[in-house]
Amino acid sequence: MCQVYAGQCPESYEPVTRRLRLSGHSTSIRLERSFWRILDAMAAREGMTTPAFISRLYDEVQEIQGETRNFASLLRCACLIETQQARGAGFATAAE
């Protein structure tokens, strides 16, 4: 079992920082490369660039929750939800 996790390619969990604008403010987000790959695919599926997709998600979170304490963690959790849904597994959300 541990070989599945321990044998990962180090490039997949290498941190990558990308700069983008959220609500008109320039910022940077640092995520592991694997999460960026998932976000890139999610954005492409929506017909958007990754920065535009993330900006829209940020705005929607602000509208629904009023604040975002740790947006990078929210993005990682969104990637987990995406992965679970792609595999057909259920994933509980606050809306359920």
PDB file of N, CA and C in Angstrom:
ATOM      1  N   MET A   1       0.820  -1.195   0.000  1.00  0.00           N
ATOM      2  CA  MET A   1       0.000   0.000   0.000  1.00  0.00           C
ATOM      3  C   MET A   1       0.862   1.257   0.000  1.00  0.00           C
ATOM      4  N   CYS A   2       1.843   1.317   0.839  1.00  0.00           N
ATOM      5  CA  CYS A   2       2.652   2.540   0.949  1.00  0.00           C
ATOM      6  C   CYS A   2       3.390   2.852  -0.344  1.00  0.00           C
ATOM      7  N   GLN A   3       3.701   1.834  -1.139  1.00  0.00           N
ATOM      8  CA  GLN A   3       4.415   2.057  -2.395  1.00  0.00           C
ATOM      9  C   GLN A   3       3.595   2.935  -3.339  1.00  0.00           C
ATOM     10  N   VAL A   4       2.274   2.792  -3.298  1.00  0.00           N
ATOM     11  CA  VAL A   4       1.404   3.607  -4.142  1.00  0.00           C
ATOM     12  C   VAL A   4       1.602   5.082  -3.803  1.00  0.00           C
ATOM     13  N   TYR A   5       1.678   5.379  -2.514  1.00  0.00           N
ATOM     14  CA  TYR A   5       1.829   6.770  -2.079  1.00  0.00           C
ATOM     15  C   TYR A   5       3.286   7.210  -2.059  1.00  0.00           C
ATOM     16  N   ALA A   6       4.142   6.366  -1.555  1.00  0.00           N
ATOM     17  CA  ALA A   6       5.561   6.721  -1.425  1.00  0.00           C
ATOM     18  C   ALA A   6       6.269   6.748  -2.769  1.00  0.00           C
ATOM     19  N   GLY A   7       5.734   6.040  -3.753  1.00  0.00           N
ATOM     20  CA  GLY A   7       6.379   5.963  -5.055  1.00  0.00           C
ATOM     21  C   GLY A   7       5.988   7.051  -6.026  1.00  0.00           C
ATOM     22  N   GLN A   8       5.303   8.079  -5.538  1.00  0.00           N
ATOM     23  CA  GLN A   8       4.899   9.180  -6.418  1.00  0.00           C
ATOM     24  C   GLN A   8       6.108   9.873  -7.030  1.00  0.00           C
ATOM     25  N   CYS A   9       5.919  10.354  -8.228  1.00  0.00           N
ATOM     26  CA  CYS A   9       6.941  11.173  -8.865  1.00  0.00           C
ATOM     27  C   CYS A   9       7.040  12.492  -8.096  1.00  0.00           C
ATOM     28  N   PRO A  10       8.237  12.873  -7.647  1.00  0.00           N
ATOM     29  CA  PRO A  10       8.377  14.122  -6.879  1.00  0.00           C
ATOM     30  C   PRO A  10       7.856  15.357  -7.610  1.00  0.00           C
ATOM     31  N   GLU A  11       7.864  15.331  -8.927  1.00  0.00           N
ATOM     32  CA  GLU A  11       7.354  16.476  -9.688  1.00  0.00           C
ATOM     33  C   GLU A  11       5.863  16.698  -9.428  1.00  0.00           C
ATOM     34  N   SER A  12       5.128  15.637  -9.128  1.00  0.00           N
ATOM     35  CA  SER A  12       3.681  15.772  -8.946  1.00  0.00           C
ATOM     36  C   SER A  12       3.316  16.567  -7.695  1.00  0.00           C
ATOM     37  N   TYR A  13       4.177  16.545  -6.688  1.00  0.00           N
ATOM     38  CA  TYR A  13       3.877  17.304  -5.465  1.00  0.00           C
ATOM     39  C   TYR A  13       4.806  18.505  -5.272  1.00  0.00           C
ATOM     40  N   GLU A  14       5.512  18.846  -6.326  1.00  0.00           N
ATOM     41  CA  GLU A  14       6.350  20.049  -6.298  1.00  0.00           C
ATOM     42  C   GLU A  14       5.448  21.282  -6.235  1.00  0.00           C
ATOM     43  N   PRO A  15       5.718  22.213  -5.308  1.00  0.00           N
ATOM     44  CA  PRO A  15       4.887  23.417  -5.235  1.00  0.00           C
ATOM     45  C   PRO A  15       5.145  24.346  -6.423  1.00  0.00           C
ATOM     46  N   VAL A  16       4.057  24.884  -6.950  1.00  0.00           N
ATOM     47  CA  VAL A  16       4.119  25.803  -8.083  1.00  0.00           C
ATOM     48  C   VAL A  16       3.302  27.043  -7.712  1.00  0.00           C
ATOM     49  N   THR A  17       3.877  28.207  -7.918  1.00  0.00           N
ATOM     50  CA  THR A  17       3.190  29.462  -7.633  1.00  0.00           C
ATOM     51  C   THR A  17       2.746  30.106  -8.935  1.00  0.00           C
ATOM     52  N   ARG A  18       1.495  30.494  -8.980  1.00  0.00           N
ATOM     53  CA  ARG A  18       0.961  31.206 -10.144  1.00  0.00           C
ATOM     54  C   ARG A  18       0.394  32.542  -9.663  1.00  0.00           C
ATOM     55  N   ARG A  19       0.604  33.556 -10.484  1.00  0.00           N
ATOM     56  CA  ARG A  19       0.076  34.890 -10.185  1.00  0.00           C
ATOM     57  C   ARG A  19      -1.212  35.092 -10.971  1.00  0.00           C
ATOM     58  N   LEU A  20      -2.195  35.713 -10.317  1.00  0.00           N
ATOM     59  CA  LEU A  20      -3.465  36.006 -10.956  1.00  0.00           C
ATOM     60  C   LEU A  20      -4.165  37.131 -10.220  1.00  0.00           C
ATOM     61  N   ARG A  21      -5.319  37.532 -10.741  1.00  0.00           N
ATOM     62  CA  ARG A  21      -6.100  38.602 -10.124  1.00  0.00           C
ATOM     63  C   ARG A  21      -7.383  38.014  -9.558  1.00  0.00           C
ATOM     64  N   LEU A  22      -7.662  38.375  -8.306  1.00  0.00           N
ATOM     65  CA  LEU A  22      -8.903  37.989  -7.650  1.00  0.00           C
ATOM     66  C   LEU A  22      -9.603  39.260  -7.204  1.00  0.00           C
ATOM     67  N   SER A  23     -10.795  39.457  -7.691  1.00  0.00           N
ATOM     68  CA  SER A  23     -11.564  40.677  -7.382  1.00  0.00           C
ATOM     69  C   SER A  23     -10.752  41.938  -7.648  1.00  0.00           C
ATOM     70  N   GLY A  24     -10.000  41.925  -8.743  1.00  0.00           N
ATOM     71  CA  GLY A  24      -9.226  43.092  -9.139  1.00  0.00           C
ATOM     72  C   GLY A  24      -7.887  43.258  -8.441  1.00  0.00           C
ATOM     73  N   HIS A  25      -7.561  42.352  -7.516  1.00  0.00           N
ATOM     74  CA  HIS A  25      -6.297  42.445  -6.779  1.00  0.00           C
ATOM     75  C   HIS A  25      -5.319  41.386  -7.269  1.00  0.00           C
ATOM     76  N   SER A  26      -4.099  41.808  -7.549  1.00  0.00           N
ATOM     77  CA  SER A  26      -3.062  40.879  -7.960  1.00  0.00           C
ATOM     78  C   SER A  26      -2.616  40.056  -6.752  1.00  0.00           C
ATOM     79  N   THR A  27      -2.536  38.756  -6.933  1.00  0.00           N
ATOM     80  CA  THR A  27      -2.119  37.870  -5.842  1.00  0.00           C
ATOM     81  C   THR A  27      -1.405  36.665  -6.429  1.00  0.00           C
ATOM     82  N   SER A  28      -0.925  35.809  -5.581  1.00  0.00           N
ATOM     83  CA  SER A  28      -0.320  34.562  -6.035  1.00  0.00           C
ATOM     84  C   SER A  28      -0.891  33.418  -5.208  1.00  0.00           C
ATOM     85  N   ILE A  29      -0.967  32.267  -5.852  1.00  0.00           N
ATOM     86  CA  ILE A  29      -1.453  31.058  -5.197  1.00  0.00           C
ATOM     87  C   ILE A  29      -0.410  29.978  -5.407  1.00  0.00           C
ATOM     88  N   ARG A  30      -0.067  29.305  -4.322  1.00  0.00           N
ATOM     89  CA  ARG A  30       0.929  28.240  -4.374  1.00  0.00           C
ATOM     90  C   ARG A  30       0.243  26.913  -4.078  1.00  0.00           C
ATOM     91  N   LEU A  31       0.267  26.027  -5.063  1.00  0.00           N
ATOM     92  CA  LEU A  31      -0.317  24.694  -4.942  1.00  0.00           C
ATOM     93  C   LEU A  31       0.649  23.668  -5.520  1.00  0.00           C
ATOM     94  N   GLU A  32       0.451  22.437  -5.152  1.00  0.00           N
ATOM     95  CA  GLU A  32       1.241  21.363  -5.715  1.00  0.00           C
ATOM     96  C   GLU A  32       0.845  21.188  -7.191  1.00  0.00           C
ATOM     97  N   ARG A  33       1.807  20.774  -7.991  1.00  0.00           N
ATOM     98  CA  ARG A  33       1.605  20.653  -9.442  1.00  0.00           C
ATOM     99  C   ARG A  33       0.374  19.786  -9.785  1.00  0.00           C
ATOM    100  N   SER A  34       0.131  18.724  -9.045  1.00  0.00           N
ATOM    101  CA  SER A  34      -1.026  17.861  -9.320  1.00  0.00           C
ATOM    102  C   SER A  34      -2.337  18.623  -9.193  1.00  0.00           C
ATOM    103  N   PHE A  35      -2.435  19.510  -8.226  1.00  0.00           N
ATOM    104  CA  PHE A  35      -3.657  20.303  -8.080  1.00  0.00           C
ATOM    105  C   PHE A  35      -3.823  21.277  -9.239  1.00  0.00           C
ATOM    106  N   TRP A  36      -2.718  21.874  -9.690  1.00  0.00           N
ATOM    107  CA  TRP A  36      -2.809  22.773 -10.841  1.00  0.00           C
ATOM    108  C   TRP A  36      -3.294  22.023 -12.068  1.00  0.00           C
ATOM    109  N   ARG A  37      -2.853  20.790 -12.243  1.00  0.00           N
ATOM    110  CA  ARG A  37      -3.297  20.007 -13.404  1.00  0.00           C
ATOM    111  C   ARG A  37      -4.802  19.790 -13.360  1.00  0.00           C
ATOM    112  N   ILE A  38      -5.330  19.485 -12.188  1.00  0.00           N
ATOM    113  CA  ILE A  38      -6.773  19.280 -12.050  1.00  0.00           C
ATOM    114  C   ILE A  38      -7.515  20.589 -12.312  1.00  0.00           C
ATOM    115  N   LEU A  39      -7.031  21.689 -11.737  1.00  0.00           N
ATOM    116  CA  LEU A  39      -7.674  22.988 -11.962  1.00  0.00           C
ATOM    117  C   LEU A  39      -7.629  23.386 -13.434  1.00  0.00           C
ATOM    118  N   ASP A  40      -6.521  23.117 -14.107  1.00  0.00           N
ATOM    119  CA  ASP A  40      -6.416  23.409 -15.540  1.00  0.00           C
ATOM    120  C   ASP A  40      -7.482  22.638 -16.317  1.00  0.00           C
ATOM    121  N   ALA A  41      -7.685  21.370 -15.964  1.00  0.00           N
ATOM    122  CA  ALA A  41      -8.691  20.541 -16.645  1.00  0.00           C
ATOM    123  C   ALA A  41     -10.103  21.040 -16.345  1.00  0.00           C
ATOM    124  N   MET A  42     -10.353  21.425 -15.102  1.00  0.00           N
ATOM    125  CA  MET A  42     -11.671  21.950 -14.729  1.00  0.00           C
ATOM    126  C   MET A  42     -11.966  23.221 -15.517  1.00  0.00           C
ATOM    127  N   ALA A  43     -10.986  24.101 -15.599  1.00  0.00           N
ATOM    128  CA  ALA A  43     -11.165  25.360 -16.332  1.00  0.00           C
ATOM    129  C   ALA A  43     -11.404  25.093 -17.813  1.00  0.00           C
ATOM    130  N   ALA A  44     -10.633  24.197 -18.390  1.00  0.00           N
ATOM    131  CA  ALA A  44     -10.789  23.873 -19.817  1.00  0.00           C
ATOM    132  C   ALA A  44     -12.176  23.311 -20.094  1.00  0.00           C
ATOM    133  N   ARG A  45     -12.665  22.474 -19.205  1.00  0.00           N
ATOM    134  CA  ARG A  45     -13.992  21.909 -19.372  1.00  0.00           C
ATOM    135  C   ARG A  45     -15.073  22.997 -19.370  1.00  0.00           C
ATOM    136  N   GLU A  46     -14.827  24.076 -18.619  1.00  0.00           N
ATOM    137  CA  GLU A  46     -15.762  25.209 -18.556  1.00  0.00           C
ATOM    138  C   GLU A  46     -15.514  26.218 -19.678  1.00  0.00           C
ATOM    139  N   GLY A  47     -14.509  25.951 -20.513  1.00  0.00           N
ATOM    140  CA  GLY A  47     -14.196  26.862 -21.611  1.00  0.00           C
ATOM    141  C   GLY A  47     -13.535  28.144 -21.151  1.00  0.00           C
ATOM    142  N   MET A  48     -12.785  28.066 -20.067  1.00  0.00           N
ATOM    143  CA  MET A  48     -12.164  29.244 -19.474  1.00  0.00           C
ATOM    144  C   MET A  48     -10.671  29.014 -19.295  1.00  0.00           C
ATOM    145  N   THR A  49      -9.942  30.111 -19.129  1.00  0.00           N
ATOM    146  CA  THR A  49      -8.557  29.987 -18.698  1.00  0.00           C
ATOM    147  C   THR A  49      -8.573  29.636 -17.208  1.00  0.00           C
ATOM    148  N   THR A  50      -7.481  29.098 -16.727  1.00  0.00           N
ATOM    149  CA  THR A  50      -7.411  28.758 -15.305  1.00  0.00           C
ATOM    150  C   THR A  50      -7.544  30.001 -14.427  1.00  0.00           C
ATOM    151  N   PRO A  51      -6.850  31.101 -14.718  1.00  0.00           N
ATOM    152  CA  PRO A  51      -7.038  32.295 -13.886  1.00  0.00           C
ATOM    153  C   PRO A  51      -8.480  32.793 -13.868  1.00  0.00           C
ATOM    154  N   ALA A  52      -9.152  32.778 -15.019  1.00  0.00           N
ATOM    155  CA  ALA A  52     -10.545  33.226 -15.072  1.00  0.00           C
ATOM    156  C   ALA A  52     -11.443  32.288 -14.268  1.00  0.00           C
ATOM    157  N   PHE A  53     -11.209  30.992 -14.362  1.00  0.00           N
ATOM    158  CA  PHE A  53     -11.982  30.004 -13.614  1.00  0.00           C
ATOM    159  C   PHE A  53     -11.807  30.209 -12.110  1.00  0.00           C
ATOM    160  N   ILE A  54     -10.560  30.379 -11.682  1.00  0.00           N
ATOM    161  CA  ILE A  54     -10.285  30.568 -10.258  1.00  0.00           C
ATOM    162  C   ILE A  54     -10.885  31.878  -9.763  1.00  0.00           C
ATOM    163  N   SER A  55     -10.805  32.918 -10.576  1.00  0.00           N
ATOM    164  CA  SER A  55     -11.382  34.206 -10.198  1.00  0.00           C
ATOM    165  C   SER A  55     -12.896  34.091 -10.041  1.00  0.00           C
ATOM    166  N   ARG A  56     -13.546  33.399 -10.959  1.00  0.00           N
ATOM    167  CA  ARG A  56     -15.002  33.219 -10.854  1.00  0.00           C
ATOM    168  C   ARG A  56     -15.345  32.410  -9.602  1.00  0.00           C
ATOM    169  N   LEU A  57     -14.596  31.349  -9.348  1.00  0.00           N
ATOM    170  CA  LEU A  57     -14.833  30.544  -8.151  1.00  0.00           C
ATOM    171  C   LEU A  57     -14.670  31.397  -6.896  1.00  0.00           C
ATOM    172  N   TYR A  58     -13.626  32.209  -6.867  1.00  0.00           N
ATOM    173  CA  TYR A  58     -13.392  33.095  -5.717  1.00  0.00           C
ATOM    174  C   TYR A  58     -14.590  34.025  -5.505  1.00  0.00           C
ATOM    175  N   ASP A  59     -15.069  34.634  -6.588  1.00  0.00           N
ATOM    176  CA  ASP A  59     -16.215  35.541  -6.481  1.00  0.00           C
ATOM    177  C   ASP A  59     -17.454  34.806  -5.978  1.00  0.00           C
ATOM    178  N   GLU A  60     -17.676  33.586  -6.456  1.00  0.00           N
ATOM    179  CA  GLU A  60     -18.834  32.810  -6.019  1.00  0.00           C
ATOM    180  C   GLU A  60     -18.722  32.435  -4.541  1.00  0.00           C
ATOM    181  N   VAL A  61     -17.532  32.101  -4.095  1.00  0.00           N
ATOM    182  CA  VAL A  61     -17.319  31.783  -2.678  1.00  0.00           C
ATOM    183  C   VAL A  61     -17.610  33.020  -1.834  1.00  0.00           C
ATOM    184  N   GLN A  62     -17.140  34.178  -2.285  1.00  0.00           N
ATOM    185  CA  GLN A  62     -17.398  35.416  -1.562  1.00  0.00           C
ATOM    186  C   GLN A  62     -18.897  35.687  -1.466  1.00  0.00           C
ATOM    187  N   GLU A  63     -19.597  35.434  -2.558  1.00  0.00           N
ATOM    188  CA  GLU A  63     -21.041  35.680  -2.591  1.00  0.00           C
ATOM    189  C   GLU A  63     -21.784  34.714  -1.653  1.00  0.00           C
ATOM    190  N   ILE A  64     -21.383  33.454  -1.633  1.00  0.00           N
ATOM    191  CA  ILE A  64     -22.089  32.444  -0.837  1.00  0.00           C
ATOM    192  C   ILE A  64     -21.686  32.485   0.632  1.00  0.00           C
ATOM    193  N   GLN A  65     -20.374  32.619   0.890  1.00  0.00           N
ATOM    194  CA  GLN A  65     -19.882  32.511   2.259  1.00  0.00           C
ATOM    195  C   GLN A  65     -19.491  33.840   2.895  1.00  0.00           C
ATOM    196  N   GLY A  66     -19.304  34.864   2.076  1.00  0.00           N
ATOM    197  CA  GLY A  66     -18.968  36.175   2.612  1.00  0.00           C
ATOM    198  C   GLY A  66     -17.485  36.398   2.852  1.00  0.00           C
ATOM    199  N   GLU A  67     -16.731  35.334   2.943  1.00  0.00           N
ATOM    200  CA  GLU A  67     -15.279  35.455   3.135  1.00  0.00           C
ATOM    201  C   GLU A  67     -14.610  34.139   2.763  1.00  0.00           C
ATOM    202  N   THR A  68     -13.327  34.205   2.582  1.00  0.00           N
ATOM    203  CA  THR A  68     -12.543  33.008   2.305  1.00  0.00           C
ATOM    204  C   THR A  68     -11.293  33.062   3.164  1.00  0.00           C
ATOM    205  N   ARG A  69     -11.253  32.240   4.169  1.00  0.00           N
ATOM    206  CA  ARG A  69     -10.096  32.270   5.084  1.00  0.00           C
ATOM    207  C   ARG A  69      -8.844  31.672   4.458  1.00  0.00           C
ATOM    208  N   ASN A  70      -8.998  30.577   3.743  1.00  0.00           N
ATOM    209  CA  ASN A  70      -7.840  29.915   3.155  1.00  0.00           C
ATOM    210  C   ASN A  70      -8.227  29.415   1.766  1.00  0.00           C
ATOM    211  N   PHE A  71      -8.098  30.294   0.783  1.00  0.00           N
ATOM    212  CA  PHE A  71      -8.558  29.973  -0.563  1.00  0.00           C
ATOM    213  C   PHE A  71      -7.744  28.849  -1.196  1.00  0.00           C
ATOM    214  N   ALA A  72      -6.457  28.765  -0.912  1.00  0.00           N
ATOM    215  CA  ALA A  72      -5.643  27.673  -1.467  1.00  0.00           C
ATOM    216  C   ALA A  72      -6.172  26.325  -0.980  1.00  0.00           C
ATOM    217  N   SER A  73      -6.560  26.243   0.280  1.00  0.00           N
ATOM    218  CA  SER A  73      -7.125  24.993   0.798  1.00  0.00           C
ATOM    219  C   SER A  73      -8.466  24.696   0.140  1.00  0.00           C
ATOM    220  N   LEU A  74      -9.273  25.733  -0.081  1.00  0.00           N
ATOM    221  CA  LEU A  74     -10.535  25.544  -0.772  1.00  0.00           C
ATOM    222  C   LEU A  74     -10.296  24.979  -2.173  1.00  0.00           C
ATOM    223  N   LEU A  75      -9.278  25.480  -2.862  1.00  0.00           N
ATOM    224  CA  LEU A  75      -8.963  24.972  -4.196  1.00  0.00           C
ATOM    225  C   LEU A  75      -8.559  23.500  -4.143  1.00  0.00           C
ATOM    226  N   ARG A  76      -7.754  23.134  -3.146  1.00  0.00           N
ATOM    227  CA  ARG A  76      -7.364  21.726  -3.011  1.00  0.00           C
ATOM    228  C   ARG A  76      -8.593  20.847  -2.773  1.00  0.00           C
ATOM    229  N   CYS A  77      -9.497  21.310  -1.917  1.00  0.00           N
ATOM    230  CA  CYS A  77     -10.723  20.547  -1.643  1.00  0.00           C
ATOM    231  C   CYS A  77     -11.610  20.472  -2.885  1.00  0.00           C
ATOM    232  N   ALA A  78     -11.665  21.538  -3.677  1.00  0.00           N
ATOM    233  CA  ALA A  78     -12.414  21.510  -4.932  1.00  0.00           C
ATOM    234  C   ALA A  78     -11.834  20.442  -5.865  1.00  0.00           C
ATOM    235  N   CYS A  79     -10.526  20.318  -5.877  1.00  0.00           N
ATOM    236  CA  CYS A  79      -9.878  19.286  -6.691  1.00  0.00           C
ATOM    237  C   CYS A  79     -10.234  17.893  -6.193  1.00  0.00           C
ATOM    238  N   LEU A  80     -10.311  17.721  -4.885  1.00  0.00           N
ATOM    239  CA  LEU A  80     -10.718  16.426  -4.333  1.00  0.00           C
ATOM    240  C   LEU A  80     -12.159  16.098  -4.731  1.00  0.00           C
ATOM    241  N   ILE A  81     -13.042  17.086  -4.654  1.00  0.00           N
ATOM    242  CA  ILE A  81     -14.433  16.882  -5.062  1.00  0.00           C
ATOM    243  C   ILE A  81     -14.482  16.499  -6.540  1.00  0.00           C
ATOM    244  N   GLU A  82     -13.738  17.207  -7.355  1.00  0.00           N
ATOM    245  CA  GLU A  82     -13.677  16.918  -8.794  1.00  0.00           C
ATOM    246  C   GLU A  82     -13.208  15.491  -9.036  1.00  0.00           C
ATOM    247  N   THR A  83     -12.185  15.071  -8.335  1.00  0.00           N
ATOM    248  CA  THR A  83     -11.638  13.722  -8.493  1.00  0.00           C
ATOM    249  C   THR A  83     -12.655  12.673  -8.051  1.00  0.00           C
ATOM    250  N   GLN A  84     -13.313  12.916  -6.926  1.00  0.00           N
ATOM    251  CA  GLN A  84     -14.328  11.976  -6.432  1.00  0.00           C
ATOM    252  C   GLN A  84     -15.499  11.880  -7.407  1.00  0.00           C
ATOM    253  N   GLN A  85     -15.949  13.004  -7.923  1.00  0.00           N
ATOM    254  CA  GLN A  85     -17.074  12.991  -8.859  1.00  0.00           C
ATOM    255  C   GLN A  85     -16.695  12.291 -10.159  1.00  0.00           C
ATOM    256  N   ALA A  86     -15.455  12.463 -10.598  1.00  0.00           N
ATOM    257  CA  ALA A  86     -14.994  11.814 -11.816  1.00  0.00           C
ATOM    258  C   ALA A  86     -14.982  10.293 -11.652  1.00  0.00           C
ATOM    259  N   ARG A  87     -14.778   9.838 -10.439  1.00  0.00           N
ATOM    260  CA  ARG A  87     -14.759   8.395 -10.160  1.00  0.00           C
ATOM    261  C   ARG A  87     -16.142   7.866  -9.805  1.00  0.00           C
ATOM    262  N   GLY A  88     -17.127   8.769  -9.763  1.00  0.00           N
ATOM    263  CA  GLY A  88     -18.477   8.349  -9.460  1.00  0.00           C
ATOM    264  C   GLY A  88     -18.768   8.183  -7.979  1.00  0.00           C
ATOM    265  N   ALA A  89     -17.835   8.597  -7.140  1.00  0.00           N
ATOM    266  CA  ALA A  89     -18.036   8.507  -5.697  1.00  0.00           C
ATOM    267  C   ALA A  89     -18.701   9.784  -5.207  1.00  0.00           C
ATOM    268  N   GLY A  90     -19.538   9.655  -4.225  1.00  0.00           N
ATOM    269  CA  GLY A  90     -20.184  10.823  -3.641  1.00  0.00           C
ATOM    270  C   GLY A  90     -19.214  11.595  -2.773  1.00  0.00           C
ATOM    271  N   PHE A  91     -19.470  12.863  -2.611  1.00  0.00           N
ATOM    272  CA  PHE A  91     -18.632  13.708  -1.756  1.00  0.00           C
ATOM    273  C   PHE A  91     -19.538  14.739  -1.134  1.00  0.00           C
ATOM    274  N   ALA A  92     -19.618  14.758   0.179  1.00  0.00           N
ATOM    275  CA  ALA A  92     -20.518  15.672   0.881  1.00  0.00           C
ATOM    276  C   ALA A  92     -20.046  17.112   0.746  1.00  0.00           C
ATOM    277  N   THR A  93     -20.995  18.002   0.502  1.00  0.00           N
ATOM    278  CA  THR A  93     -20.699  19.433   0.473  1.00  0.00           C
ATOM    279  C   THR A  93     -21.623  20.126   1.454  1.00  0.00           C
ATOM    280  N   ALA A  94     -21.326  21.364   1.760  1.00  0.00           N
ATOM    281  CA  ALA A  94     -22.131  22.132   2.718  1.00  0.00           C
ATOM    282  C   ALA A  94     -23.562  22.320   2.212  1.00  0.00           C
ATOM    283  N   ALA A  95     -23.746  22.321   0.890  1.00  0.00           N
ATOM    284  CA  ALA A  95     -25.070  22.527   0.321  1.00  0.00           C
ATOM    285  C   ALA A  95     -25.963  21.301   0.468  1.00  0.00           C
ATOM    286  N   GLU A  96     -25.390  20.160   0.767  1.00  0.00           N
ATOM    287  CA  GLU A  96     -26.181  18.925   0.878  1.00  0.00           C
ATOM    288  C   GLU A  96     -26.732  18.750   2.265  1.00  0.00           C
TER     289      GLU A  96
END
